[in-house]
C-alpha atoms as a PDB file:
ATOM      1  CA  MET A   1      -0.340  15.860  -7.143  1.00  0.00           C
ATOM      2  CA  GLY A   2       0.693  17.595  -4.399  1.00  0.00           C
ATOM      3  CA  CYS A   3       1.438  14.936  -1.390  1.00  0.00           C
ATOM      4  CA  ASP A   4       3.994  14.701   1.232  1.00  0.00           C
ATOM      5  CA  VAL A   5       4.329  11.188   0.910  1.00  0.00           C
ATOM      6  CA  ALA A   6       5.690   9.673   4.791  1.00  0.00           C
ATOM      7  CA  VAL A   7       6.292   6.425   6.000  1.00  0.00           C
ATOM      8  CA  TRP A   8       4.948   5.866   9.874  1.00  0.00           C
ATOM      9  CA  ASP A   9       5.831   1.861  10.893  1.00  0.00           C
ATOM     10  CA  SER A  10       6.275   1.017  14.538  1.00  0.00           C
ATOM     11  CA  ASP A  11       9.109  -1.264  13.488  1.00  0.00           C
ATOM     12  CA  GLU A  12      12.345   0.307  13.550  1.00  0.00           C
ATOM     13  CA  ARG A  13      14.190  -1.594  11.300  1.00  0.00           C
ATOM     14  CA  LYS A  14      10.747  -1.008   8.828  1.00  0.00           C
ATOM     15  CA  GLN A  15      11.542   2.678   9.569  1.00  0.00           C
ATOM     16  CA  ILE A  16      15.230   2.367   8.258  1.00  0.00           C
ATOM     17  CA  GLU A  17      14.233   0.240   5.310  1.00  0.00           C
ATOM     18  CA  ALA A  18      12.341   3.353   4.344  1.00  0.00           C
ATOM     19  CA  LEU A  19      14.960   5.971   5.113  1.00  0.00           C
ATOM     20  CA  TYR A  20      16.806   3.931   2.897  1.00  0.00           C
ATOM     21  CA  GLU A  21      14.566   3.958   0.165  1.00  0.00           C
ATOM     22  CA  GLY A  22      14.755   7.710   0.123  1.00  0.00           C
ATOM     23  CA  PHE A  23      11.165   7.918   2.209  1.00  0.00           C
ATOM     24  CA  LYS A  24      10.211  10.596   5.035  1.00  0.00           C
ATOM     25  CA  VAL A  25       9.612   8.783   8.187  1.00  0.00           C
ATOM     26  CA  GLU A  26       7.264   9.890  10.431  1.00  0.00           C
ATOM     27  CA  LYS A  27       7.504   9.273  14.127  1.00  0.00           C
ATOM     28  CA  ASP A  28       4.040  10.557  14.707  1.00  0.00           C
ATOM     29  CA  PHE A  29       1.057   8.968  12.888  1.00  0.00           C
ATOM     30  CA  THR A  30      -0.478  12.624  11.690  1.00  0.00           C
ATOM     31  CA  ALA A  31      -1.644  12.102   8.166  1.00  0.00           C
ATOM     32  CA  GLU A  32      -4.253  13.163   6.682  1.00  0.00           C
ATOM     33  CA  ILE A  33      -4.669  10.474   4.201  1.00  0.00           C
ATOM     34  CA  VAL A  34      -2.941   6.583   5.049  1.00  0.00           C
ATOM     35  CA  VAL A  35      -2.507   4.268   2.440  1.00  0.00           C
ATOM     36  CA  THR A  36      -1.994   1.001   3.444  1.00  0.00           C
ATOM     37  CA  CYS A  37      -0.320  -1.480   1.310  1.00  0.00           C
ATOM     38  CA  THR A  38       1.444  -4.555   3.537  1.00  0.00           C
ATOM     39  CA  GLY A  39      -0.543  -7.546   2.596  1.00  0.00           C
ATOM     40  CA  VAL A  40      -0.631  -7.898   6.295  1.00  0.00           C
ATOM     41  CA  LYS A  41      -4.331  -8.412   8.115  1.00  0.00           C
ATOM     42  CA  GLY A  42      -5.132  -6.027  10.648  1.00  0.00           C
ATOM     43  CA  VAL A  43      -1.970  -3.819  10.129  1.00  0.00           C
ATOM     44  CA  ILE A  44      -4.287  -1.268  11.318  1.00  0.00           C
ATOM     45  CA  GLY A  45      -6.400  -1.290  14.131  1.00  0.00           C
ATOM     46  CA  LYS A  46      -7.152   0.198  17.699  1.00  0.00           C
ATOM     47  CA  GLU A  47      -4.089   1.017  18.981  1.00  0.00           C
ATOM     48  CA  GLU A  48      -3.073   2.586  15.376  1.00  0.00           C
ATOM     49  CA  LEU A  49      -6.299   4.196  14.638  1.00  0.00           C
ATOM     50  CA  GLU A  50      -6.528   5.965  18.330  1.00  0.00           C
ATOM     51  CA  LYS A  51      -3.297   7.620  16.847  1.00  0.00           C
ATOM     52  CA  ILE A  52      -4.596   9.713  14.009  1.00  0.00           C
ATOM     53  CA  SER A  53      -5.007  13.004  13.046  1.00  0.00           C
ATOM     54  CA  ASP A  54      -9.016  14.341  13.187  1.00  0.00           C
ATOM     55  CA  GLY A  55     -10.603  13.641  10.165  1.00  0.00           C
ATOM     56  CA  CYS A  56      -8.152  11.514   8.370  1.00  0.00           C
ATOM     57  CA  ILE A  57      -9.308   8.911   5.490  1.00  0.00           C
ATOM     58  CA  VAL A  58      -7.542   5.524   5.867  1.00  0.00           C
ATOM     59  CA  MET A  59      -8.045   3.109   2.915  1.00  0.00           C
ATOM     60  CA  ASN A  60      -6.549  -0.541   2.232  1.00  0.00           C
ATOM     61  CA  MET A  61      -4.571  -0.834  -1.455  1.00  0.00           C
ATOM     62  CA  GLY A  62      -3.161  -4.304  -0.004  1.00  0.00           C
ATOM     63  CA  ALA A  63      -4.000  -8.453  -0.699  1.00  0.00           C
ATOM     64  CA  GLU A  64      -5.826  -8.219   2.547  1.00  0.00           C
ATOM     65  CA  MET A  65      -8.342  -6.634   4.962  1.00  0.00           C
ATOM     66  CA  GLU A  66      -5.289  -4.872   6.394  1.00  0.00           C
ATOM     67  CA  ILE A  67      -7.601  -1.776   8.487  1.00  0.00           C
ATOM     68  CA  GLU A  68      -9.712  -3.328  11.209  1.00  0.00           C
ATOM     69  CA  PRO A  69     -12.129  -0.526  11.937  1.00  0.00           C
ATOM     70  CA  ALA A  70     -12.243   0.878  15.986  1.00  0.00           C
ATOM     71  CA  GLY A  71     -14.522   2.688  17.646  1.00  0.00           C
ATOM     72  CA  GLU A  72     -18.034   3.811  17.220  1.00  0.00           C
ATOM     73  CA  LEU A  73     -19.856   3.925  13.913  1.00  0.00           C
ATOM     74  CA  ILE A  74     -20.885   7.728  13.371  1.00  0.00           C
ATOM     75  CA  SER A  75     -21.960   7.539   9.673  1.00  0.00           C
ATOM     76  CA  ASP A  76     -22.331   4.981   6.998  1.00  0.00           C
ATOM     77  CA  PHE A  77     -22.166   6.856   3.154  1.00  0.00           C
ATOM     78  CA  GLY A  78     -22.215   3.310   1.312  1.00  0.00           C
ATOM     79  CA  LEU A  79     -18.331   2.671   0.604  1.00  0.00           C
ATOM     80  CA  VAL A  80     -16.761   5.234   2.968  1.00  0.00           C
ATOM     81  CA  LYS A  81     -17.676   4.753   6.447  1.00  0.00           C
ATOM     82  CA  GLU A  82     -17.407   7.577   9.663  1.00  0.00           C
ATOM     83  CA  TYR A  83     -15.747   6.331  12.980  1.00  0.00           C
ATOM     84  CA  GLU A  84     -15.267   8.296  16.111  1.00  0.00           C
ATOM     85  CA  VAL A  85     -11.949   6.664  18.295  1.00  0.00           C
ATOM     86  CA  ALA A  86     -10.540   8.648  20.966  1.00  0.00           C
ATOM     87  CA  GLY A  87     -12.566  11.670  20.744  1.00  0.00           C
ATOM     88  CA  LYS A  88     -11.020  11.722  16.833  1.00  0.00           C
ATOM     89  CA  ASN A  89     -13.082  11.196  13.975  1.00  0.00           C
ATOM     90  CA  TYR A  90     -11.970   9.120  10.892  1.00  0.00           C
ATOM     91  CA  PHE A  91     -13.050   7.876   7.639  1.00  0.00           C
ATOM     92  CA  VAL A  92     -12.420   4.257   6.517  1.00  0.00           C
ATOM     93  CA  VAL A  93     -12.974   3.455   2.402  1.00  0.00           C
ATOM     94  CA  ALA A  94     -14.665  -0.092   1.498  1.00  0.00           C
ATOM     95  CA  ASP A  95     -14.791  -1.097   5.311  1.00  0.00           C
ATOM     96  CA  GLY A  96     -10.922  -1.773   4.964  1.00  0.00           C
ATOM     97  CA  TYR A  97     -10.759  -4.248   1.996  1.00  0.00           C
ATOM     98  CA  ALA A  98      -8.159  -3.398  -0.831  1.00  0.00           C
ATOM     99  CA  ALA A  99      -9.939  -0.352  -2.502  1.00  0.00           C
ATOM    100  CA  ASN A 100      -8.942  -1.641  -6.032  1.00  0.00           C
ATOM    101  CA  LEU A 101     -11.004  -4.794  -5.761  1.00  0.00           C
ATOM    102  CA  ALA A 102     -13.693  -3.328  -3.719  1.00  0.00           C
ATOM    103  CA  LEU A 103     -14.769  -0.121  -5.208  1.00  0.00           C
ATOM    104  CA  GLY A 104     -13.561  -1.019  -8.680  1.00  0.00           C
ATOM    105  CA  ASN A 105     -13.027  -3.899 -11.200  1.00  0.00           C
ATOM    106  CA  GLY A 106      -9.691  -5.086  -9.403  1.00  0.00           C
ATOM    107  CA  THR A 107      -6.388  -4.782 -11.319  1.00  0.00           C
ATOM    108  CA  PRO A 108      -6.523  -4.214 -14.986  1.00  0.00           C
ATOM    109  CA  ILE A 109      -4.837  -7.245 -16.731  1.00  0.00           C
ATOM    110  CA  GLU A 110      -2.189  -5.026 -18.835  1.00  0.00           C
ATOM    111  CA  VAL A 111      -0.873  -4.456 -14.954  1.00  0.00           C
ATOM    112  CA  MET A 112      -1.004  -7.804 -14.309  1.00  0.00           C
ATOM    113  CA  ASP A 113       0.592  -8.890 -17.586  1.00  0.00           C
ATOM    114  CA  ARG A 114       3.450  -6.946 -16.758  1.00  0.00           C
ATOM    115  CA  THR A 115       3.457  -7.947 -13.653  1.00  0.00           C
ATOM    116  CA  PHE A 116       3.894 -11.392 -14.323  1.00  0.00           C
ATOM    117  CA  SER A 117       6.386 -10.926 -17.159  1.00  0.00           C
ATOM    118  CA  ALA A 118       8.526  -9.040 -14.715  1.00  0.00           C
ATOM    119  CA  ALA A 119       8.620 -12.088 -12.510  1.00  0.00           C
ATOM    120  CA  ILE A 120       9.214 -14.726 -14.807  1.00  0.00           C
ATOM    121  CA  LEU A 121      12.062 -12.944 -16.343  1.00  0.00           C
ATOM    122  CA  ALA A 122      13.374 -12.525 -13.240  1.00  0.00           C
ATOM    123  CA  LEU A 123      13.077 -15.885 -12.084  1.00  0.00           C
ATOM    124  CA  ASN A 124      14.951 -16.633 -15.209  1.00  0.00           C
ATOM    125  CA  HIS A 125      17.704 -14.546 -14.440  1.00  0.00           C
ATOM    126  CA  LEU A 126      17.617 -15.009 -10.979  1.00  0.00           C
ATOM    127  CA  SER A 127      18.258 -18.780 -12.067  1.00  0.00           C
ATOM    128  CA  ARG A 128      21.332 -18.103 -13.944  1.00  0.00           C
ATOM    129  CA  SER A 129      23.221 -15.302 -11.799  1.00  0.00           C
ATOM    130  CA  ASP A 130      24.902 -14.988  -8.788  1.00  0.00           C
ATOM    131  CA  PHE A 131      23.252 -12.792  -6.015  1.00  0.00           C
ATOM    132  CA  GLU A 132      22.579 -11.894  -2.624  1.00  0.00           C
ATOM    133  CA  GLY A 133      20.445 -10.635  -0.528  1.00  0.00           C
ATOM    134  CA  ILE A 134      17.680  -8.331  -2.631  1.00  0.00           C
ATOM    135  CA  ILE A 135      18.448  -6.536  -5.862  1.00  0.00           C
ATOM    136  CA  PRO A 136      16.455  -4.165  -8.146  1.00  0.00           C
ATOM    137  CA  LEU A 137      14.904  -5.785 -11.209  1.00  0.00           C
ATOM    138  CA  PRO A 138      17.914  -5.590 -13.515  1.00  0.00           C
ATOM    139  CA  SER A 139      17.233  -2.947 -16.450  1.00  0.00           C
ATOM    140  CA  HIS A 140      17.519  -5.000 -19.608  1.00  0.00           C
ATOM    141  CA  ILE A 141      14.049  -6.919 -18.177  1.00  0.00           C
ATOM    142  CA  GLU A 142      12.513  -3.626 -17.552  1.00  0.00           C
ATOM    143  CA  SER A 143      13.685  -3.190 -21.621  1.00  0.00           C
ATOM    144  CA  THR A 144      12.329  -6.102 -22.648  1.00  0.00           C
ATOM    145  CA  ILE A 145       9.255  -5.733 -20.878  1.00  0.00           C
ATOM    146  CA  LEU A 146       9.143  -1.524 -22.352  1.00  0.00           C
ATOM    147  CA  GLU A 147       9.537  -3.156 -26.169  1.00  0.00           C
ATOM    148  CA  ALA A 148       6.753  -5.927 -25.765  1.00  0.00           C
ATOM    149  CA  ILE A 149       4.605  -3.184 -24.643  1.00  0.00           C
ATOM    150  CA  MET A 150       5.174  -0.777 -27.193  1.00  0.00           C
ATOM    151  CA  MET A 151       5.003  -3.421 -30.030  1.00  0.00           C
ATOM    152  CA  TYR A 152       0.989  -4.015 -29.143  1.00  0.00           C
ATOM    153  CA  LYS A 153       0.324  -0.420 -28.558  1.00  0.00           C
END
């Protein structure tokens, strides 16, 4: 899509985790589009919004109302609102609520099926295995899910 994806987090530990996962980490909050997906209510508030670039679009894809708009409401376009804070304008999609739920029909059942299948198979795997810390989903579980999906296509 031609986008540069970068992670910005005030927590240095999260910055290091992002680096280890292969993401570019930004010290400054200079993105043109910010998408949250943390599941943490209010992860972006006035302090963060004062640091964003002018004209930035801010959208939540997490489970909670992760964005708390701050500043003066300039324009209301329905599902998109324009605010001004610290001399800069920014746009909030769906009032900071999860966009996939607020703008669409939520998460499709096909995605939920795959997610729940992976979770159940992973829990079964963990109950039978010795492990320590965070581990990736084993490839044999991914293969099992893919085979089941292809069987019903």
